[in-house]
Amino acid sequence: MHRIQTQLTHLILASLLGFASIFASGVATAYQPHEEVHTGKMIADAIAVRPLMFGALIVGTFTFVVSSPFSAFGGNIEESFEKMVLEPAKYTFVRPLGHMDDEPLSAN
């Protein structure tokens, strides 16, 4: 059982590293914030929102890997990748700190 958990952990980490190159090439766009962000919002984002979204990214990546054969048969693998992996990754790593209401996600 321990071996399966180790292999699963390695699979998830390899998937995240593999997707990092996609994120770096596809989401590095210029972003102009609409308003000045207060320090409290930045702290809340750094302490609570980013770790939660990173957890969502890990769960989404795992779910995508497990469900990708079904998505491929259904013809919506790009959509499932976008919703389960790419959007949480952008919200976690691309969005400026404290800008939780802004939407840089649609600016591909």
PDB file of N, CA and C in Angstrom:
ATOM      1  N   MET A   1       0.824  -1.194   0.000  1.00  0.00           N
ATOM      2  CA  MET A   1       0.000   0.000   0.000  1.00  0.00           C
ATOM      3  C   MET A   1       0.871   1.262   0.000  1.00  0.00           C
ATOM      4  N   HIS A   2       1.955   1.214   0.761  1.00  0.00           N
ATOM      5  CA  HIS A   2       2.851   2.371   0.823  1.00  0.00           C
ATOM      6  C   HIS A   2       3.477   2.649  -0.538  1.00  0.00           C
ATOM      7  N   ARG A   3       3.771   1.596  -1.289  1.00  0.00           N
ATOM      8  CA  ARG A   3       4.370   1.761  -2.609  1.00  0.00           C
ATOM      9  C   ARG A   3       3.405   2.458  -3.567  1.00  0.00           C
ATOM     10  N   ILE A   4       2.126   2.117  -3.490  1.00  0.00           N
ATOM     11  CA  ILE A   4       1.119   2.746  -4.340  1.00  0.00           C
ATOM     12  C   ILE A   4       1.002   4.233  -4.011  1.00  0.00           C
ATOM     13  N   GLN A   5       1.010   4.571  -2.723  1.00  0.00           N
ATOM     14  CA  GLN A   5       0.940   5.977  -2.320  1.00  0.00           C
ATOM     15  C   GLN A   5       2.158   6.742  -2.824  1.00  0.00           C
ATOM     16  N   THR A   6       3.325   6.133  -2.742  1.00  0.00           N
ATOM     17  CA  THR A   6       4.549   6.780  -3.218  1.00  0.00           C
ATOM     18  C   THR A   6       4.480   7.000  -4.720  1.00  0.00           C
ATOM     19  N   GLN A   7       4.030   6.004  -5.464  1.00  0.00           N
ATOM     20  CA  GLN A   7       3.922   6.137  -6.909  1.00  0.00           C
ATOM     21  C   GLN A   7       2.887   7.191  -7.291  1.00  0.00           C
ATOM     22  N   LEU A   8       1.787   7.234  -6.567  1.00  0.00           N
ATOM     23  CA  LEU A   8       0.755   8.233  -6.825  1.00  0.00           C
ATOM     24  C   LEU A   8       1.288   9.636  -6.554  1.00  0.00           C
ATOM     25  N   THR A   9       2.031   9.800  -5.481  1.00  0.00           N
ATOM     26  CA  THR A   9       2.643  11.092  -5.168  1.00  0.00           C
ATOM     27  C   THR A   9       3.604  11.512  -6.265  1.00  0.00           C
ATOM     28  N   HIS A  10       4.407  10.579  -6.740  1.00  0.00           N
ATOM     29  CA  HIS A  10       5.349  10.878  -7.823  1.00  0.00           C
ATOM     30  C   HIS A  10       4.606  11.254  -9.106  1.00  0.00           C
ATOM     31  N   LEU A  11       3.517  10.577  -9.391  1.00  0.00           N
ATOM     32  CA  LEU A  11       2.718  10.885 -10.577  1.00  0.00           C
ATOM     33  C   LEU A  11       2.154  12.296 -10.512  1.00  0.00           C
ATOM     34  N   ILE A  12       1.616  12.669  -9.356  1.00  0.00           N
ATOM     35  CA  ILE A  12       1.044  14.004  -9.198  1.00  0.00           C
ATOM     36  C   ILE A  12       2.128  15.070  -9.312  1.00  0.00           C
ATOM     37  N   LEU A  13       3.267  14.848  -8.675  1.00  0.00           N
ATOM     38  CA  LEU A  13       4.362  15.820  -8.758  1.00  0.00           C
ATOM     39  C   LEU A  13       4.884  15.949 -10.186  1.00  0.00           C
ATOM     40  N   ALA A  14       5.013  14.830 -10.882  1.00  0.00           N
ATOM     41  CA  ALA A  14       5.475  14.884 -12.277  1.00  0.00           C
ATOM     42  C   ALA A  14       4.463  15.617 -13.150  1.00  0.00           C
ATOM     43  N   SER A  15       3.178  15.411 -12.893  1.00  0.00           N
ATOM     44  CA  SER A  15       2.144  16.111 -13.655  1.00  0.00           C
ATOM     45  C   SER A  15       2.224  17.611 -13.421  1.00  0.00           C
ATOM     46  N   LEU A  16       2.388  18.002 -12.171  1.00  0.00           N
ATOM     47  CA  LEU A  16       2.482  19.433 -11.865  1.00  0.00           C
ATOM     48  C   LEU A  16       3.702  20.052 -12.522  1.00  0.00           C
ATOM     49  N   LEU A  17       4.823  19.363 -12.495  1.00  0.00           N
ATOM     50  CA  LEU A  17       6.022  19.888 -13.136  1.00  0.00           C
ATOM     51  C   LEU A  17       5.856  19.945 -14.652  1.00  0.00           C
ATOM     52  N   GLY A  18       5.201  18.963 -15.210  1.00  0.00           N
ATOM     53  CA  GLY A  18       4.965  18.966 -16.651  1.00  0.00           C
ATOM     54  C   GLY A  18       4.050  20.088 -17.081  1.00  0.00           C
ATOM     55  N   PHE A  19       3.034  20.369 -16.261  1.00  0.00           N
ATOM     56  CA  PHE A  19       2.109  21.439 -16.580  1.00  0.00           C
ATOM     57  C   PHE A  19       2.736  22.814 -16.378  1.00  0.00           C
ATOM     58  N   ALA A  20       3.792  22.901 -15.583  1.00  0.00           N
ATOM     59  CA  ALA A  20       4.434  24.194 -15.319  1.00  0.00           C
ATOM     60  C   ALA A  20       4.937  24.842 -16.607  1.00  0.00           C
ATOM     61  N   SER A  21       5.449  24.043 -17.521  1.00  0.00           N
ATOM     62  CA  SER A  21       5.925  24.613 -18.780  1.00  0.00           C
ATOM     63  C   SER A  21       4.765  25.167 -19.608  1.00  0.00           C
ATOM     64  N   ILE A  22       3.623  24.532 -19.545  1.00  0.00           N
ATOM     65  CA  ILE A  22       2.440  25.031 -20.248  1.00  0.00           C
ATOM     66  C   ILE A  22       2.018  26.371 -19.655  1.00  0.00           C
ATOM     67  N   PHE A  23       2.006  26.446 -18.321  1.00  0.00           N
ATOM     68  CA  PHE A  23       1.594  27.678 -17.662  1.00  0.00           C
ATOM     69  C   PHE A  23       2.553  28.809 -17.994  1.00  0.00           C
ATOM     70  N   ALA A  24       3.853  28.516 -17.961  1.00  0.00           N
ATOM     71  CA  ALA A  24       4.848  29.558 -18.195  1.00  0.00           C
ATOM     72  C   ALA A  24       4.740  30.123 -19.604  1.00  0.00           C
ATOM     73  N   SER A  25       4.450  29.278 -20.567  1.00  0.00           N
ATOM     74  CA  SER A  25       4.383  29.768 -21.945  1.00  0.00           C
ATOM     75  C   SER A  25       3.035  30.397 -22.283  1.00  0.00           C
ATOM     76  N   GLY A  26       1.974  29.942 -21.663  1.00  0.00           N
ATOM     77  CA  GLY A  26       0.648  30.383 -22.079  1.00  0.00           C
ATOM     78  C   GLY A  26      -0.004  31.468 -21.260  1.00  0.00           C
ATOM     79  N   VAL A  27       0.481  31.726 -20.058  1.00  0.00           N
ATOM     80  CA  VAL A  27      -0.242  32.656 -19.201  1.00  0.00           C
ATOM     81  C   VAL A  27       0.568  33.871 -18.790  1.00  0.00           C
ATOM     82  N   ALA A  28       1.769  34.028 -19.289  1.00  0.00           N
ATOM     83  CA  ALA A  28       2.594  35.183 -18.930  1.00  0.00           C
ATOM     84  C   ALA A  28       2.180  36.371 -19.783  1.00  0.00           C
ATOM     85  N   THR A  29       1.114  37.029 -19.364  1.00  0.00           N
ATOM     86  CA  THR A  29       0.605  38.176 -20.106  1.00  0.00           C
ATOM     87  C   THR A  29       0.677  39.419 -19.227  1.00  0.00           C
ATOM     88  N   ALA A  30       0.669  40.567 -19.856  1.00  0.00           N
ATOM     89  CA  ALA A  30       0.669  41.817 -19.110  1.00  0.00           C
ATOM     90  C   ALA A  30      -0.672  41.982 -18.412  1.00  0.00           C
ATOM     91  N   TYR A  31      -0.631  42.430 -17.188  1.00  0.00           N
ATOM     92  CA  TYR A  31      -1.851  42.574 -16.408  1.00  0.00           C
ATOM     93  C   TYR A  31      -1.842  43.929 -15.716  1.00  0.00           C
ATOM     94  N   GLN A  32      -2.882  44.693 -15.896  1.00  0.00           N
ATOM     95  CA  GLN A  32      -3.009  46.003 -15.277  1.00  0.00           C
ATOM     96  C   GLN A  32      -4.109  45.929 -14.209  1.00  0.00           C
ATOM     97  N   PRO A  33      -3.758  46.029 -12.945  1.00  0.00           N
ATOM     98  CA  PRO A  33      -4.781  45.993 -11.897  1.00  0.00           C
ATOM     99  C   PRO A  33      -5.681  47.228 -11.962  1.00  0.00           C
ATOM    100  N   HIS A  34      -6.931  47.067 -11.558  1.00  0.00           N
ATOM    101  CA  HIS A  34      -7.905  48.143 -11.634  1.00  0.00           C
ATOM    102  C   HIS A  34      -7.829  49.090 -10.454  1.00  0.00           C
ATOM    103  N   GLU A  35      -7.377  48.626  -9.324  1.00  0.00           N
ATOM    104  CA  GLU A  35      -7.376  49.448  -8.132  1.00  0.00           C
ATOM    105  C   GLU A  35      -6.196  49.082  -7.247  1.00  0.00           C
ATOM    106  N   GLU A  36      -5.915  49.980  -6.327  1.00  0.00           N
ATOM    107  CA  GLU A  36      -4.849  49.712  -5.364  1.00  0.00           C
ATOM    108  C   GLU A  36      -5.356  48.701  -4.343  1.00  0.00           C
ATOM    109  N   VAL A  37      -4.507  47.758  -3.987  1.00  0.00           N
ATOM    110  CA  VAL A  37      -4.908  46.696  -3.069  1.00  0.00           C
ATOM    111  C   VAL A  37      -4.372  47.015  -1.679  1.00  0.00           C
ATOM    112  N   HIS A  38      -5.191  46.786  -0.683  1.00  0.00           N
ATOM    113  CA  HIS A  38      -4.802  47.038   0.697  1.00  0.00           C
ATOM    114  C   HIS A  38      -3.962  45.880   1.234  1.00  0.00           C
ATOM    115  N   THR A  39      -3.151  46.176   2.207  1.00  0.00           N
ATOM    116  CA  THR A  39      -2.243  45.189   2.787  1.00  0.00           C
ATOM    117  C   THR A  39      -3.003  43.996   3.357  1.00  0.00           C
ATOM    118  N   GLY A  40      -4.131  44.242   3.991  1.00  0.00           N
ATOM    119  CA  GLY A  40      -4.921  43.156   4.579  1.00  0.00           C
ATOM    120  C   GLY A  40      -5.372  42.143   3.540  1.00  0.00           C
ATOM    121  N   LYS A  41      -5.748  42.649   2.368  1.00  0.00           N
ATOM    122  CA  LYS A  41      -6.166  41.751   1.291  1.00  0.00           C
ATOM    123  C   LYS A  41      -4.990  40.905   0.796  1.00  0.00           C
ATOM    124  N   MET A  42      -3.821  41.523   0.731  1.00  0.00           N
ATOM    125  CA  MET A  42      -2.634  40.784   0.295  1.00  0.00           C
ATOM    126  C   MET A  42      -2.267  39.697   1.303  1.00  0.00           C
ATOM    127  N   ILE A  43      -2.348  40.031   2.579  1.00  0.00           N
ATOM    128  CA  ILE A  43      -2.019  39.048   3.626  1.00  0.00           C
ATOM    129  C   ILE A  43      -3.018  37.896   3.588  1.00  0.00           C
ATOM    130  N   ALA A  44      -4.310  38.209   3.487  1.00  0.00           N
ATOM    131  CA  ALA A  44      -5.326  37.151   3.421  1.00  0.00           C
ATOM    132  C   ALA A  44      -5.120  36.268   2.205  1.00  0.00           C
ATOM    133  N   ASP A  45      -4.753  36.892   1.099  1.00  0.00           N
ATOM    134  CA  ASP A  45      -4.505  36.130  -0.123  1.00  0.00           C
ATOM    135  C   ASP A  45      -3.318  35.192   0.061  1.00  0.00           C
ATOM    136  N   ALA A  46      -2.227  35.722   0.612  1.00  0.00           N
ATOM    137  CA  ALA A  46      -1.013  34.915   0.771  1.00  0.00           C
ATOM    138  C   ALA A  46      -1.168  33.803   1.799  1.00  0.00           C
ATOM    139  N   ILE A  47      -1.902  34.067   2.870  1.00  0.00           N
ATOM    140  CA  ILE A  47      -2.004  33.084   3.957  1.00  0.00           C
ATOM    141  C   ILE A  47      -3.130  32.080   3.741  1.00  0.00           C
ATOM    142  N   ALA A  48      -4.248  32.519   3.192  1.00  0.00           N
ATOM    143  CA  ALA A  48      -5.408  31.627   3.086  1.00  0.00           C
ATOM    144  C   ALA A  48      -5.754  31.226   1.660  1.00  0.00           C
ATOM    145  N   VAL A  49      -5.916  32.193   0.776  1.00  0.00           N
ATOM    146  CA  VAL A  49      -6.457  31.895  -0.554  1.00  0.00           C
ATOM    147  C   VAL A  49      -5.467  31.108  -1.401  1.00  0.00           C
ATOM    148  N   ARG A  50      -4.214  31.541  -1.452  1.00  0.00           N
ATOM    149  CA  ARG A  50      -3.232  30.835  -2.299  1.00  0.00           C
ATOM    150  C   ARG A  50      -3.023  29.383  -1.860  1.00  0.00           C
ATOM    151  N   PRO A  51      -2.850  29.116  -0.553  1.00  0.00           N
ATOM    152  CA  PRO A  51      -2.713  27.698  -0.169  1.00  0.00           C
ATOM    153  C   PRO A  51      -3.948  26.860  -0.502  1.00  0.00           C
ATOM    154  N   LEU A  52      -5.138  27.446  -0.326  1.00  0.00           N
ATOM    155  CA  LEU A  52      -6.361  26.712  -0.675  1.00  0.00           C
ATOM    156  C   LEU A  52      -6.430  26.439  -2.173  1.00  0.00           C
ATOM    157  N   MET A  53      -6.071  27.432  -2.967  1.00  0.00           N
ATOM    158  CA  MET A  53      -6.099  27.235  -4.416  1.00  0.00           C
ATOM    159  C   MET A  53      -5.012  26.259  -4.875  1.00  0.00           C
ATOM    160  N   PHE A  54      -3.878  26.247  -4.185  1.00  0.00           N
ATOM    161  CA  PHE A  54      -2.851  25.258  -4.505  1.00  0.00           C
ATOM    162  C   PHE A  54      -3.375  23.849  -4.207  1.00  0.00           C
ATOM    163  N   GLY A  55      -4.100  23.702  -3.100  1.00  0.00           N
ATOM    164  CA  GLY A  55      -4.745  22.425  -2.796  1.00  0.00           C
ATOM    165  C   GLY A  55      -5.762  22.049  -3.861  1.00  0.00           C
ATOM    166  N   ALA A  56      -6.536  23.044  -4.319  1.00  0.00           N
ATOM    167  CA  ALA A  56      -7.505  22.790  -5.393  1.00  0.00           C
ATOM    168  C   ALA A  56      -6.791  22.387  -6.671  1.00  0.00           C
ATOM    169  N   LEU A  57      -5.631  22.981  -6.922  1.00  0.00           N
ATOM    170  CA  LEU A  57      -4.844  22.614  -8.099  1.00  0.00           C
ATOM    171  C   LEU A  57      -4.381  21.161  -8.016  1.00  0.00           C
ATOM    172  N   ILE A  58      -3.921  20.747  -6.852  1.00  0.00           N
ATOM    173  CA  ILE A  58      -3.468  19.358  -6.680  1.00  0.00           C
ATOM    174  C   ILE A  58      -4.632  18.389  -6.854  1.00  0.00           C
ATOM    175  N   VAL A  59      -5.755  18.689  -6.213  1.00  0.00           N
ATOM    176  CA  VAL A  59      -6.936  17.821  -6.341  1.00  0.00           C
ATOM    177  C   VAL A  59      -7.437  17.821  -7.782  1.00  0.00           C
ATOM    178  N   GLY A  60      -7.465  18.986  -8.415  1.00  0.00           N
ATOM    179  CA  GLY A  60      -7.916  19.074  -9.806  1.00  0.00           C
ATOM    180  C   GLY A  60      -7.008  18.322 -10.758  1.00  0.00           C
ATOM    181  N   THR A  61      -5.692  18.420 -10.524  1.00  0.00           N
ATOM    182  CA  THR A  61      -4.746  17.694 -11.368  1.00  0.00           C
ATOM    183  C   THR A  61      -4.927  16.190 -11.215  1.00  0.00           C
ATOM    184  N   PHE A  62      -5.063  15.739  -9.980  1.00  0.00           N
ATOM    185  CA  PHE A  62      -5.295  14.313  -9.744  1.00  0.00           C
ATOM    186  C   PHE A  62      -6.590  13.862 -10.413  1.00  0.00           C
ATOM    187  N   THR A  63      -7.642  14.649 -10.242  1.00  0.00           N
ATOM    188  CA  THR A  63      -8.931  14.302 -10.848  1.00  0.00           C
ATOM    189  C   THR A  63      -8.832  14.294 -12.364  1.00  0.00           C
ATOM    190  N   PHE A  64      -8.113  15.263 -12.927  1.00  0.00           N
ATOM    191  CA  PHE A  64      -7.937  15.302 -14.373  1.00  0.00           C
ATOM    192  C   PHE A  64      -7.202  14.059 -14.870  1.00  0.00           C
ATOM    193  N   VAL A  65      -6.126  13.676 -14.185  1.00  0.00           N
ATOM    194  CA  VAL A  65      -5.350  12.500 -14.596  1.00  0.00           C
ATOM    195  C   VAL A  65      -6.222  11.252 -14.547  1.00  0.00           C
ATOM    196  N   VAL A  66      -6.999  11.111 -13.473  1.00  0.00           N
ATOM    197  CA  VAL A  66      -7.855   9.924 -13.323  1.00  0.00           C
ATOM    198  C   VAL A  66      -8.986   9.918 -14.343  1.00  0.00           C
ATOM    199  N   SER A  67      -9.572  11.092 -14.601  1.00  0.00           N
ATOM    200  CA  SER A  67     -10.736  11.143 -15.488  1.00  0.00           C
ATOM    201  C   SER A  67     -10.395  11.421 -16.947  1.00  0.00           C
ATOM    202  N   SER A  68      -9.133  11.625 -17.268  1.00  0.00           N
ATOM    203  CA  SER A  68      -8.779  11.981 -18.644  1.00  0.00           C
ATOM    204  C   SER A  68      -9.160  10.926 -19.685  1.00  0.00           C
ATOM    205  N   PRO A  69      -9.099   9.621 -19.393  1.00  0.00           N
ATOM    206  CA  PRO A  69      -9.579   8.674 -20.410  1.00  0.00           C
ATOM    207  C   PRO A  69     -11.067   8.867 -20.742  1.00  0.00           C
ATOM    208  N   PHE A  70     -11.856   9.173 -19.719  1.00  0.00           N
ATOM    209  CA  PHE A  70     -13.284   9.384 -19.947  1.00  0.00           C
ATOM    210  C   PHE A  70     -13.525  10.694 -20.691  1.00  0.00           C
ATOM    211  N   SER A  71     -12.744  11.715 -20.337  1.00  0.00           N
ATOM    212  CA  SER A  71     -12.855  12.993 -21.043  1.00  0.00           C
ATOM    213  C   SER A  71     -12.446  12.845 -22.499  1.00  0.00           C
ATOM    214  N   ALA A  72     -11.409  12.050 -22.745  1.00  0.00           N
ATOM    215  CA  ALA A  72     -10.952  11.829 -24.124  1.00  0.00           C
ATOM    216  C   ALA A  72     -12.040  11.130 -24.940  1.00  0.00           C
ATOM    217  N   PHE A  73     -12.682  10.135 -24.350  1.00  0.00           N
ATOM    218  CA  PHE A  73     -13.769   9.455 -25.048  1.00  0.00           C
ATOM    219  C   PHE A  73     -14.948  10.388 -25.274  1.00  0.00           C
ATOM    220  N   GLY A  74     -15.185  11.301 -24.331  1.00  0.00           N
ATOM    221  CA  GLY A  74     -16.294  12.241 -24.456  1.00  0.00           C
ATOM    222  C   GLY A  74     -15.974  13.437 -25.337  1.00  0.00           C
ATOM    223  N   GLY A  75     -14.695  13.582 -25.697  1.00  0.00           N
ATOM    224  CA  GLY A  75     -14.305  14.666 -26.581  1.00  0.00           C
ATOM    225  C   GLY A  75     -14.162  16.019 -25.911  1.00  0.00           C
ATOM    226  N   ASN A  76     -14.008  16.044 -24.589  1.00  0.00           N
ATOM    227  CA  ASN A  76     -13.873  17.339 -23.918  1.00  0.00           C
ATOM    228  C   ASN A  76     -12.642  17.385 -23.013  1.00  0.00           C
ATOM    229  N   ILE A  77     -11.550  16.800 -23.455  1.00  0.00           N
ATOM    230  CA  ILE A  77     -10.351  16.772 -22.627  1.00  0.00           C
ATOM    231  C   ILE A  77      -9.759  18.172 -22.456  1.00  0.00           C
ATOM    232  N   GLU A  78      -9.843  19.022 -23.489  1.00  0.00           N
ATOM    233  CA  GLU A  78      -9.319  20.384 -23.370  1.00  0.00           C
ATOM    234  C   GLU A  78     -10.119  21.178 -22.341  1.00  0.00           C
ATOM    235  N   GLU A  79     -11.430  21.030 -22.385  1.00  0.00           N
ATOM    236  CA  GLU A  79     -12.290  21.736 -21.439  1.00  0.00           C
ATOM    237  C   GLU A  79     -12.044  21.266 -20.006  1.00  0.00           C
ATOM    238  N   SER A  80     -11.887  19.957 -19.818  1.00  0.00           N
ATOM    239  CA  SER A  80     -11.639  19.456 -18.466  1.00  0.00           C
ATOM    240  C   SER A  80     -10.269  19.902 -17.964  1.00  0.00           C
ATOM    241  N   PHE A  81      -9.262  19.947 -18.837  1.00  0.00           N
ATOM    242  CA  PHE A  81      -7.947  20.446 -18.444  1.00  0.00           C
ATOM    243  C   PHE A  81      -8.035  21.918 -18.048  1.00  0.00           C
ATOM    244  N   GLU A  82      -8.761  22.696 -18.834  1.00  0.00           N
ATOM    245  CA  GLU A  82      -8.924  24.130 -18.555  1.00  0.00           C
ATOM    246  C   GLU A  82      -9.560  24.348 -17.183  1.00  0.00           C
ATOM    247  N   LYS A  83     -10.647  23.638 -16.914  1.00  0.00           N
ATOM    248  CA  LYS A  83     -11.403  23.869 -15.677  1.00  0.00           C
ATOM    249  C   LYS A  83     -10.732  23.259 -14.448  1.00  0.00           C
ATOM    250  N   MET A  84     -10.165  22.076 -14.570  1.00  0.00           N
ATOM    251  CA  MET A  84      -9.623  21.384 -13.402  1.00  0.00           C
ATOM    252  C   MET A  84      -8.174  21.722 -13.092  1.00  0.00           C
ATOM    253  N   VAL A  85      -7.400  22.124 -14.102  1.00  0.00           N
ATOM    254  CA  VAL A  85      -5.968  22.348 -13.891  1.00  0.00           C
ATOM    255  C   VAL A  85      -5.562  23.787 -14.190  1.00  0.00           C
ATOM    256  N   LEU A  86      -5.872  24.256 -15.366  1.00  0.00           N
ATOM    257  CA  LEU A  86      -5.353  25.554 -15.805  1.00  0.00           C
ATOM    258  C   LEU A  86      -5.932  26.724 -15.010  1.00  0.00           C
ATOM    259  N   GLU A  87      -7.236  26.766 -14.794  1.00  0.00           N
ATOM    260  CA  GLU A  87      -7.830  27.877 -14.047  1.00  0.00           C
ATOM    261  C   GLU A  87      -7.327  27.948 -12.612  1.00  0.00           C
ATOM    262  N   PRO A  88      -7.286  26.827 -11.848  1.00  0.00           N
ATOM    263  CA  PRO A  88      -6.707  26.931 -10.500  1.00  0.00           C
ATOM    264  C   PRO A  88      -5.226  27.328 -10.513  1.00  0.00           C
ATOM    265  N   ALA A  89      -4.495  26.878 -11.526  1.00  0.00           N
ATOM    266  CA  ALA A  89      -3.071  27.241 -11.607  1.00  0.00           C
ATOM    267  C   ALA A  89      -2.905  28.727 -11.878  1.00  0.00           C
ATOM    268  N   LYS A  90      -3.697  29.257 -12.786  1.00  0.00           N
ATOM    269  CA  LYS A  90      -3.630  30.693 -13.068  1.00  0.00           C
ATOM    270  C   LYS A  90      -4.026  31.504 -11.839  1.00  0.00           C
ATOM    271  N   TYR A  91      -5.089  31.091 -11.166  1.00  0.00           N
ATOM    272  CA  TYR A  91      -5.551  31.824  -9.997  1.00  0.00           C
ATOM    273  C   TYR A  91      -4.531  31.765  -8.871  1.00  0.00           C
ATOM    274  N   THR A  92      -3.777  30.666  -8.803  1.00  0.00           N
ATOM    275  CA  THR A  92      -2.774  30.506  -7.756  1.00  0.00           C
ATOM    276  C   THR A  92      -1.481  31.221  -8.082  1.00  0.00           C
ATOM    277  N   PHE A  93      -0.987  31.095  -9.308  1.00  0.00           N
ATOM    278  CA  PHE A  93       0.362  31.551  -9.619  1.00  0.00           C
ATOM    279  C   PHE A  93       0.446  32.806 -10.485  1.00  0.00           C
ATOM    280  N   VAL A  94      -0.566  33.137 -11.251  1.00  0.00           N
ATOM    281  CA  VAL A  94      -0.478  34.246 -12.190  1.00  0.00           C
ATOM    282  C   VAL A  94      -1.136  35.507 -11.641  1.00  0.00           C
ATOM    283  N   ARG A  95      -2.226  35.352 -10.954  1.00  0.00           N
ATOM    284  CA  ARG A  95      -2.980  36.492 -10.438  1.00  0.00           C
ATOM    285  C   ARG A  95      -2.123  37.301  -9.471  1.00  0.00           C
ATOM    286  N   PRO A  96      -2.131  38.637  -9.602  1.00  0.00           N
ATOM    287  CA  PRO A  96      -1.369  39.474  -8.673  1.00  0.00           C
ATOM    288  C   PRO A  96      -1.871  39.311  -7.231  1.00  0.00           C
ATOM    289  N   LEU A  97      -0.973  39.379  -6.302  1.00  0.00           N
ATOM    290  CA  LEU A  97      -1.294  39.190  -4.891  1.00  0.00           C
ATOM    291  C   LEU A  97      -2.323  40.216  -4.430  1.00  0.00           C
ATOM    292  N   GLY A  98      -3.400  39.734  -3.846  1.00  0.00           N
ATOM    293  CA  GLY A  98      -4.443  40.594  -3.315  1.00  0.00           C
ATOM    294  C   GLY A  98      -5.548  40.940  -4.290  1.00  0.00           C
ATOM    295  N   HIS A  99      -5.389  40.607  -5.553  1.00  0.00           N
ATOM    296  CA  HIS A  99      -6.406  40.913  -6.574  1.00  0.00           C
ATOM    297  C   HIS A  99      -7.328  39.710  -6.754  1.00  0.00           C
ATOM    298  N   MET A 100      -8.155  39.476  -5.763  1.00  0.00           N
ATOM    299  CA  MET A 100      -9.021  38.303  -5.789  1.00  0.00           C
ATOM    300  C   MET A 100     -10.276  38.513  -6.621  1.00  0.00           C
ATOM    301  N   ASP A 101     -10.677  39.758  -6.836  1.00  0.00           N
ATOM    302  CA  ASP A 101     -11.903  40.041  -7.599  1.00  0.00           C
ATOM    303  C   ASP A 101     -11.631  40.254  -9.077  1.00  0.00           C
ATOM    304  N   ASP A 102     -10.379  40.569  -9.421  1.00  0.00           N
ATOM    305  CA  ASP A 102     -10.029  40.803 -10.823  1.00  0.00           C
ATOM    306  C   ASP A 102      -9.990  39.486 -11.571  1.00  0.00           C
ATOM    307  N   GLU A 103     -10.096  39.556 -12.899  1.00  0.00           N
ATOM    308  CA  GLU A 103     -10.132  38.340 -13.701  1.00  0.00           C
ATOM    309  C   GLU A 103      -9.058  38.335 -14.780  1.00  0.00           C
ATOM    310  N   PRO A 104      -7.789  38.055 -14.413  1.00  0.00           N
ATOM    311  CA  PRO A 104      -6.766  37.910 -15.451  1.00  0.00           C
ATOM    312  C   PRO A 104      -6.864  36.558 -16.128  1.00  0.00           C
ATOM    313  N   LEU A 105      -7.771  35.701 -15.668  1.00  0.00           N
ATOM    314  CA  LEU A 105      -7.871  34.339 -16.190  1.00  0.00           C
ATOM    315  C   LEU A 105      -8.340  34.310 -17.633  1.00  0.00           C
ATOM    316  N   SER A 106      -9.151  35.263 -18.027  1.00  0.00           N
ATOM    317  CA  SER A 106      -9.671  35.229 -19.392  1.00  0.00           C
ATOM    318  C   SER A 106      -8.704  35.829 -20.403  1.00  0.00           C
ATOM    319  N   ALA A 107      -7.618  36.428 -19.952  1.00  0.00           N
ATOM    320  CA  ALA A 107      -6.649  37.073 -20.857  1.00  0.00           C
ATOM    321  C   ALA A 107      -5.563  36.092 -21.240  1.00  0.00           C
ATOM    322  N   ASN A 108      -5.911  35.125 -22.082  1.00  0.00           N
ATOM    323  CA  ASN A 108      -4.901  34.137 -22.495  1.00  0.00           C
ATOM    324  C   ASN A 108      -4.099  34.749 -23.563  1.00  0.00           C
TER     325      ASN A 108
END
